[in-house]
Amino acid sequence: MNGARNRRASEQAGPATEPALPGELSGAPMLERMIRVDHAGEYGARRIYEGQLAVLGRSDKAAILQHMAEQERVHLATFERLVVERRVRPSLLQPVWHVAGFALGAGTALLGERAAMACTVAVEEVIDEHYARQARQLGPEESELRETIDRFRAEELEHRDIGLENEAEQAPGYRVLSAAIKGGSRVAIWLAERF
């Protein structure tokens, strides 16, 4: 159970602001990119759960999926508000996230409940890294945004833990499935930040 043993390892983000690396954005462009990618990511997460619920909505996992989906709806509503308030252009790839998110959710659910939970674990582990990095980049002037990101990160880690508790690691081909979903999630983050 590698996931269970390493659960808390990535949860320790330091309070210090992480300096930008050469070539990285800072200031307003960095904030726009953060809000754009987080909005796109939370939209994609909502669609993943909609896909899973379309397949597993009458299963014994429905209540768990509904709980996680409701939290994602709150996350998305927050970033929809921030996109408007801060006048950030949403991702141009929104139609891709619409289709890809649902397809990933429904596709993994069709492979079984454990595969759906494996999807949750893989996505949430990538989001944990992503949100932790963002929180480290934000200075004291963005304490409210950092608190929002930290709160959402904690809920995403809760989702990961729920997936692990529901036998995600026992899904057939777990390592391959997890690696593929993590790779796709990292590519989606990179694209959503830029487009």
C-alpha atoms as a PDB file:
ATOM      1  CA  MET A   1       0.000   0.000   0.000  1.00  0.00           C
ATOM      2  CA  ASN A   2       2.396   2.678  -1.200  1.00  0.00           C
ATOM      3  CA  GLY A   3      -0.279   5.379  -1.272  1.00  0.00           C
ATOM      4  CA  ALA A   4      -1.324   4.716   2.312  1.00  0.00           C
ATOM      5  CA  ARG A   5       2.266   4.869   3.559  1.00  0.00           C
ATOM      6  CA  ASN A   6       3.088   8.052   1.693  1.00  0.00           C
ATOM      7  CA  ARG A   7      -0.189   9.838   2.345  1.00  0.00           C
ATOM      8  CA  ARG A   8       1.177  12.634   4.450  1.00  0.00           C
ATOM      9  CA  ALA A   9       4.552  13.032   2.741  1.00  0.00           C
ATOM     10  CA  SER A  10       3.348  15.574   0.186  1.00  0.00           C
ATOM     11  CA  GLU A  11       1.074  17.375   2.628  1.00  0.00           C
ATOM     12  CA  GLN A  12       3.853  19.380   4.247  1.00  0.00           C
ATOM     13  CA  ALA A  13       4.042  22.655   2.345  1.00  0.00           C
ATOM     14  CA  GLY A  14       6.265  25.186   4.024  1.00  0.00           C
ATOM     15  CA  PRO A  15       4.898  28.606   4.934  1.00  0.00           C
ATOM     16  CA  ALA A  16       7.637  30.499   3.102  1.00  0.00           C
ATOM     17  CA  THR A  17       6.991  31.993  -0.322  1.00  0.00           C
ATOM     18  CA  GLU A  18       8.739  30.021  -3.036  1.00  0.00           C
ATOM     19  CA  PRO A  19      10.906  32.237  -5.251  1.00  0.00           C
ATOM     20  CA  ALA A  20      10.179  32.197  -8.948  1.00  0.00           C
ATOM     21  CA  LEU A  21      12.569  30.235 -11.091  1.00  0.00           C
ATOM     22  CA  PRO A  22      14.175  31.908 -14.108  1.00  0.00           C
ATOM     23  CA  GLY A  23      11.568  32.195 -16.861  1.00  0.00           C
ATOM     24  CA  GLU A  24       8.604  31.758 -14.509  1.00  0.00           C
ATOM     25  CA  LEU A  25       5.901  34.352 -14.241  1.00  0.00           C
ATOM     26  CA  SER A  26       5.386  36.521 -11.193  1.00  0.00           C
ATOM     27  CA  GLY A  27       2.951  39.216 -10.104  1.00  0.00           C
ATOM     28  CA  ALA A  28      -0.293  39.739 -12.028  1.00  0.00           C
ATOM     29  CA  PRO A  29       0.547  37.360 -14.915  1.00  0.00           C
ATOM     30  CA  MET A  30       1.293  34.568 -12.417  1.00  0.00           C
ATOM     31  CA  LEU A  31      -2.002  35.190 -10.597  1.00  0.00           C
ATOM     32  CA  GLU A  32      -3.955  35.170 -13.866  1.00  0.00           C
ATOM     33  CA  ARG A  33      -2.344  31.879 -14.823  1.00  0.00           C
ATOM     34  CA  MET A  34      -3.119  30.390 -11.384  1.00  0.00           C
ATOM     35  CA  ILE A  35      -6.763  31.367 -11.488  1.00  0.00           C
ATOM     36  CA  ARG A  36      -7.166  30.211 -15.093  1.00  0.00           C
ATOM     37  CA  VAL A  37      -5.654  26.780 -14.449  1.00  0.00           C
ATOM     38  CA  ASP A  38      -7.492  26.296 -11.157  1.00  0.00           C
ATOM     39  CA  HIS A  39     -10.794  27.238 -12.768  1.00  0.00           C
ATOM     40  CA  ALA A  40     -10.121  24.768 -15.603  1.00  0.00           C
ATOM     41  CA  GLY A  41      -9.030  22.070 -13.157  1.00  0.00           C
ATOM     42  CA  GLU A  42     -12.070  22.405 -10.948  1.00  0.00           C
ATOM     43  CA  TYR A  43     -14.286  22.375 -14.043  1.00  0.00           C
ATOM     44  CA  GLY A  44     -12.575  19.173 -15.170  1.00  0.00           C
ATOM     45  CA  ALA A  45     -12.984  17.659 -11.696  1.00  0.00           C
ATOM     46  CA  ARG A  46     -16.696  18.396 -11.741  1.00  0.00           C
ATOM     47  CA  ARG A  47     -16.962  16.647 -15.104  1.00  0.00           C
ATOM     48  CA  ILE A  48     -14.981  13.613 -13.856  1.00  0.00           C
ATOM     49  CA  TYR A  49     -17.462  13.124 -11.023  1.00  0.00           C
ATOM     50  CA  GLU A  50     -20.400  13.664 -13.382  1.00  0.00           C
ATOM     51  CA  GLY A  51     -18.980  10.891 -15.574  1.00  0.00           C
ATOM     52  CA  GLN A  52     -18.452   8.570 -12.619  1.00  0.00           C
ATOM     53  CA  LEU A  53     -21.944   9.251 -11.302  1.00  0.00           C
ATOM     54  CA  ALA A  54     -23.455   8.592 -14.745  1.00  0.00           C
ATOM     55  CA  VAL A  55     -22.094   5.046 -14.457  1.00  0.00           C
ATOM     56  CA  LEU A  56     -22.034   4.440 -10.687  1.00  0.00           C
ATOM     57  CA  GLY A  57     -24.907   6.683  -9.590  1.00  0.00           C
ATOM     58  CA  ARG A  58     -26.926   3.714  -8.338  1.00  0.00           C
ATOM     59  CA  SER A  59     -24.039   1.798  -6.808  1.00  0.00           C
ATOM     60  CA  ASP A  60     -23.002   1.632  -3.174  1.00  0.00           C
ATOM     61  CA  LYS A  61     -20.339   4.276  -3.983  1.00  0.00           C
ATOM     62  CA  ALA A  62     -22.903   6.874  -5.111  1.00  0.00           C
ATOM     63  CA  ALA A  63     -23.039   8.730  -1.777  1.00  0.00           C
ATOM     64  CA  ILE A  64     -19.237   8.971  -1.627  1.00  0.00           C
ATOM     65  CA  LEU A  65     -19.071  10.241  -5.202  1.00  0.00           C
ATOM     66  CA  GLN A  66     -21.868  12.750  -4.519  1.00  0.00           C
ATOM     67  CA  HIS A  67     -19.990  14.088  -1.476  1.00  0.00           C
ATOM     68  CA  MET A  68     -16.804  14.634  -3.474  1.00  0.00           C
ATOM     69  CA  ALA A  69     -18.735  16.079  -6.431  1.00  0.00           C
ATOM     70  CA  GLU A  70     -20.441  18.608  -4.151  1.00  0.00           C
ATOM     71  CA  GLN A  71     -17.102  19.813  -2.830  1.00  0.00           C
ATOM     72  CA  GLU A  72     -15.835  20.183  -6.408  1.00  0.00           C
ATOM     73  CA  ARG A  73     -18.919  22.260  -7.277  1.00  0.00           C
ATOM     74  CA  VAL A  74     -18.037  24.646  -4.435  1.00  0.00           C
ATOM     75  CA  HIS A  75     -14.435  24.838  -5.662  1.00  0.00           C
ATOM     76  CA  LEU A  76     -15.604  25.571  -9.203  1.00  0.00           C
ATOM     77  CA  ALA A  77     -18.067  28.247  -8.051  1.00  0.00           C
ATOM     78  CA  THR A  78     -15.242  29.969  -6.153  1.00  0.00           C
ATOM     79  CA  PHE A  79     -12.957  30.036  -9.187  1.00  0.00           C
ATOM     80  CA  GLU A  80     -15.822  31.131 -11.448  1.00  0.00           C
ATOM     81  CA  ARG A  81     -16.260  34.105  -9.113  1.00  0.00           C
ATOM     82  CA  LEU A  82     -12.508  34.822  -9.107  1.00  0.00           C
ATOM     83  CA  VAL A  83     -12.345  34.676 -12.920  1.00  0.00           C
ATOM     84  CA  VAL A  84     -14.960  37.435 -13.071  1.00  0.00           C
ATOM     85  CA  GLU A  85     -13.666  39.519 -10.152  1.00  0.00           C
ATOM     86  CA  ARG A  86     -10.076  39.483 -11.375  1.00  0.00           C
ATOM     87  CA  ARG A  87     -10.955  39.633 -15.067  1.00  0.00           C
ATOM     88  CA  VAL A  88      -9.070  36.489 -15.941  1.00  0.00           C
ATOM     89  CA  ARG A  89      -9.633  34.863 -19.318  1.00  0.00           C
ATOM     90  CA  PRO A  90     -10.821  31.279 -18.802  1.00  0.00           C
ATOM     91  CA  SER A  91      -9.003  28.476 -20.566  1.00  0.00           C
ATOM     92  CA  LEU A  92      -9.625  28.408 -24.297  1.00  0.00           C
ATOM     93  CA  LEU A  93      -9.648  24.627 -23.994  1.00  0.00           C
ATOM     94  CA  GLN A  94     -12.861  24.534 -21.927  1.00  0.00           C
ATOM     95  CA  PRO A  95     -14.621  22.322 -24.530  1.00  0.00           C
ATOM     96  CA  VAL A  96     -11.746  19.832 -24.213  1.00  0.00           C
ATOM     97  CA  TRP A  97     -12.040  19.770 -20.398  1.00  0.00           C
ATOM     98  CA  HIS A  98     -15.806  19.296 -20.783  1.00  0.00           C
ATOM     99  CA  VAL A  99     -15.432  16.157 -22.894  1.00  0.00           C
ATOM    100  CA  ALA A 100     -12.176  14.800 -21.461  1.00  0.00           C
ATOM    101  CA  GLY A 101     -13.286  15.122 -17.837  1.00  0.00           C
ATOM    102  CA  PHE A 102     -16.549  13.279 -18.405  1.00  0.00           C
ATOM    103  CA  ALA A 103     -14.833  10.622 -20.536  1.00  0.00           C
ATOM    104  CA  LEU A 104     -12.189  10.010 -17.868  1.00  0.00           C
ATOM    105  CA  GLY A 105     -14.805   9.730 -15.137  1.00  0.00           C
ATOM    106  CA  ALA A 106     -17.165   7.502 -17.071  1.00  0.00           C
ATOM    107  CA  GLY A 107     -14.342   5.430 -18.562  1.00  0.00           C
ATOM    108  CA  THR A 108     -12.747   4.612 -15.248  1.00  0.00           C
ATOM    109  CA  ALA A 109     -16.163   3.928 -13.684  1.00  0.00           C
ATOM    110  CA  LEU A 110     -16.908   1.464 -16.503  1.00  0.00           C
ATOM    111  CA  LEU A 111     -13.748  -0.388 -15.451  1.00  0.00           C
ATOM    112  CA  GLY A 112     -15.253  -0.750 -11.965  1.00  0.00           C
ATOM    113  CA  GLU A 113     -15.570   1.006  -8.636  1.00  0.00           C
ATOM    114  CA  ARG A 114     -11.915   0.436  -7.746  1.00  0.00           C
ATOM    115  CA  ALA A 115     -10.769   1.955 -11.043  1.00  0.00           C
ATOM    116  CA  ALA A 116     -12.982   4.989 -10.413  1.00  0.00           C
ATOM    117  CA  MET A 117     -11.349   5.362  -7.001  1.00  0.00           C
ATOM    118  CA  ALA A 118      -7.912   4.909  -8.610  1.00  0.00           C
ATOM    119  CA  CYS A 119      -8.773   7.801 -10.905  1.00  0.00           C
ATOM    120  CA  THR A 120      -9.642   9.947  -7.900  1.00  0.00           C
ATOM    121  CA  VAL A 121      -6.390   9.070  -6.129  1.00  0.00           C
ATOM    122  CA  ALA A 122      -4.234   9.787  -9.188  1.00  0.00           C
ATOM    123  CA  VAL A 123      -5.884  13.118  -9.994  1.00  0.00           C
ATOM    124  CA  GLU A 124      -5.863  14.278  -6.384  1.00  0.00           C
ATOM    125  CA  GLU A 125      -2.191  13.424  -5.900  1.00  0.00           C
ATOM    126  CA  VAL A 126      -1.322  15.653  -8.864  1.00  0.00           C
ATOM    127  CA  ILE A 127      -3.626  18.408  -7.598  1.00  0.00           C
ATOM    128  CA  ASP A 128      -2.026  18.165  -4.153  1.00  0.00           C
ATOM    129  CA  GLU A 129       1.391  18.909  -5.710  1.00  0.00           C
ATOM    130  CA  HIS A 130      -0.082  21.656  -7.866  1.00  0.00           C
ATOM    131  CA  TYR A 131      -1.929  23.467  -5.064  1.00  0.00           C
ATOM    132  CA  ALA A 132       1.044  23.111  -2.682  1.00  0.00           C
ATOM    133  CA  ARG A 133       3.310  24.771  -5.233  1.00  0.00           C
ATOM    134  CA  GLN A 134       0.814  27.570  -5.819  1.00  0.00           C
ATOM    135  CA  ALA A 135       0.441  28.208  -2.089  1.00  0.00           C
ATOM    136  CA  ARG A 136       4.229  28.522  -1.762  1.00  0.00           C
ATOM    137  CA  GLN A 137       4.331  31.058  -4.610  1.00  0.00           C
ATOM    138  CA  LEU A 138       1.773  33.411  -3.080  1.00  0.00           C
ATOM    139  CA  GLY A 139       3.005  36.287  -0.961  1.00  0.00           C
ATOM    140  CA  PRO A 140       1.293  37.872   2.054  1.00  0.00           C
ATOM    141  CA  GLU A 141      -0.698  40.228  -0.173  1.00  0.00           C
ATOM    142  CA  GLU A 142      -2.562  37.179  -1.504  1.00  0.00           C
ATOM    143  CA  SER A 143      -3.281  35.565   1.861  1.00  0.00           C
ATOM    144  CA  GLU A 144      -6.993  35.147   1.067  1.00  0.00           C
ATOM    145  CA  LEU A 145      -6.258  33.283  -2.182  1.00  0.00           C
ATOM    146  CA  ARG A 146      -3.653  31.148  -0.396  1.00  0.00           C
ATOM    147  CA  GLU A 147      -6.190  30.267   2.329  1.00  0.00           C
ATOM    148  CA  THR A 148      -8.691  29.262  -0.369  1.00  0.00           C
ATOM    149  CA  ILE A 149      -6.107  27.106  -2.121  1.00  0.00           C
ATOM    150  CA  ASP A 150      -5.047  25.522   1.191  1.00  0.00           C
ATOM    151  CA  ARG A 151      -8.678  24.752   2.096  1.00  0.00           C
ATOM    152  CA  PHE A 152      -9.386  23.231  -1.316  1.00  0.00           C
ATOM    153  CA  ARG A 153      -6.119  21.282  -1.153  1.00  0.00           C
ATOM    154  CA  ALA A 154      -7.204  19.752   2.160  1.00  0.00           C
ATOM    155  CA  GLU A 155     -10.487  18.659   0.578  1.00  0.00           C
ATOM    156  CA  GLU A 156      -8.655  17.198  -2.426  1.00  0.00           C
ATOM    157  CA  LEU A 157      -6.467  15.222  -0.012  1.00  0.00           C
ATOM    158  CA  GLU A 158      -9.647  14.019   1.689  1.00  0.00           C
ATOM    159  CA  HIS A 159     -10.814  12.762  -1.730  1.00  0.00           C
ATOM    160  CA  ARG A 160      -7.499  10.956  -2.229  1.00  0.00           C
ATOM    161  CA  ASP A 161      -7.844   9.320   1.174  1.00  0.00           C
ATOM    162  CA  ILE A 162     -11.424   8.274   0.382  1.00  0.00           C
ATOM    163  CA  GLY A 163     -10.174   6.649  -2.807  1.00  0.00           C
ATOM    164  CA  LEU A 164      -7.447   4.781  -0.941  1.00  0.00           C
ATOM    165  CA  GLU A 165      -9.918   3.658   1.741  1.00  0.00           C
ATOM    166  CA  ASN A 166     -12.172   2.328  -1.044  1.00  0.00           C
ATOM    167  CA  GLU A 167      -9.546  -0.015  -2.494  1.00  0.00           C
ATOM    168  CA  ALA A 168      -8.187   2.173  -5.296  1.00  0.00           C
ATOM    169  CA  GLU A 169      -4.847   0.369  -5.133  1.00  0.00           C
ATOM    170  CA  GLN A 170      -6.607  -2.945  -5.777  1.00  0.00           C
ATOM    171  CA  ALA A 171      -7.885  -1.802  -9.177  1.00  0.00           C
ATOM    172  CA  PRO A 172      -6.611  -4.020 -12.017  1.00  0.00           C
ATOM    173  CA  GLY A 173      -3.522  -2.423 -13.507  1.00  0.00           C
ATOM    174  CA  TYR A 174      -3.446   0.223 -10.751  1.00  0.00           C
ATOM    175  CA  ARG A 175       0.118   1.389 -11.373  1.00  0.00           C
ATOM    176  CA  VAL A 176      -0.335   1.738 -15.126  1.00  0.00           C
ATOM    177  CA  LEU A 177      -3.745   3.391 -14.752  1.00  0.00           C
ATOM    178  CA  SER A 178      -2.445   5.765 -12.082  1.00  0.00           C
ATOM    179  CA  ALA A 179       0.639   6.720 -14.093  1.00  0.00           C
ATOM    180  CA  ALA A 180      -1.449   7.394 -17.215  1.00  0.00           C
ATOM    181  CA  ILE A 181      -3.959   9.557 -15.335  1.00  0.00           C
ATOM    182  CA  LYS A 182      -1.212  11.467 -13.520  1.00  0.00           C
ATOM    183  CA  GLY A 183       0.605  12.107 -16.791  1.00  0.00           C
ATOM    184  CA  GLY A 184      -2.586  13.302 -18.458  1.00  0.00           C
ATOM    185  CA  SER A 185      -3.391  15.535 -15.484  1.00  0.00           C
ATOM    186  CA  ARG A 186       0.049  17.169 -15.599  1.00  0.00           C
ATOM    187  CA  VAL A 187      -0.314  17.821 -19.329  1.00  0.00           C
ATOM    188  CA  ALA A 188      -3.784  19.285 -18.737  1.00  0.00           C
ATOM    189  CA  ILE A 189      -2.377  21.630 -16.072  1.00  0.00           C
ATOM    190  CA  TRP A 190       0.394  22.800 -18.376  1.00  0.00           C
ATOM    191  CA  LEU A 191      -2.056  23.430 -21.228  1.00  0.00           C
ATOM    192  CA  ALA A 192      -4.672  25.155 -19.076  1.00  0.00           C
ATOM    193  CA  GLU A 193      -2.081  27.528 -17.629  1.00  0.00           C
ATOM    194  CA  ARG A 194      -1.166  28.710 -21.106  1.00  0.00           C
ATOM    195  CA  PHE A 195      -4.287  28.366 -23.258  1.00  0.00           C
END
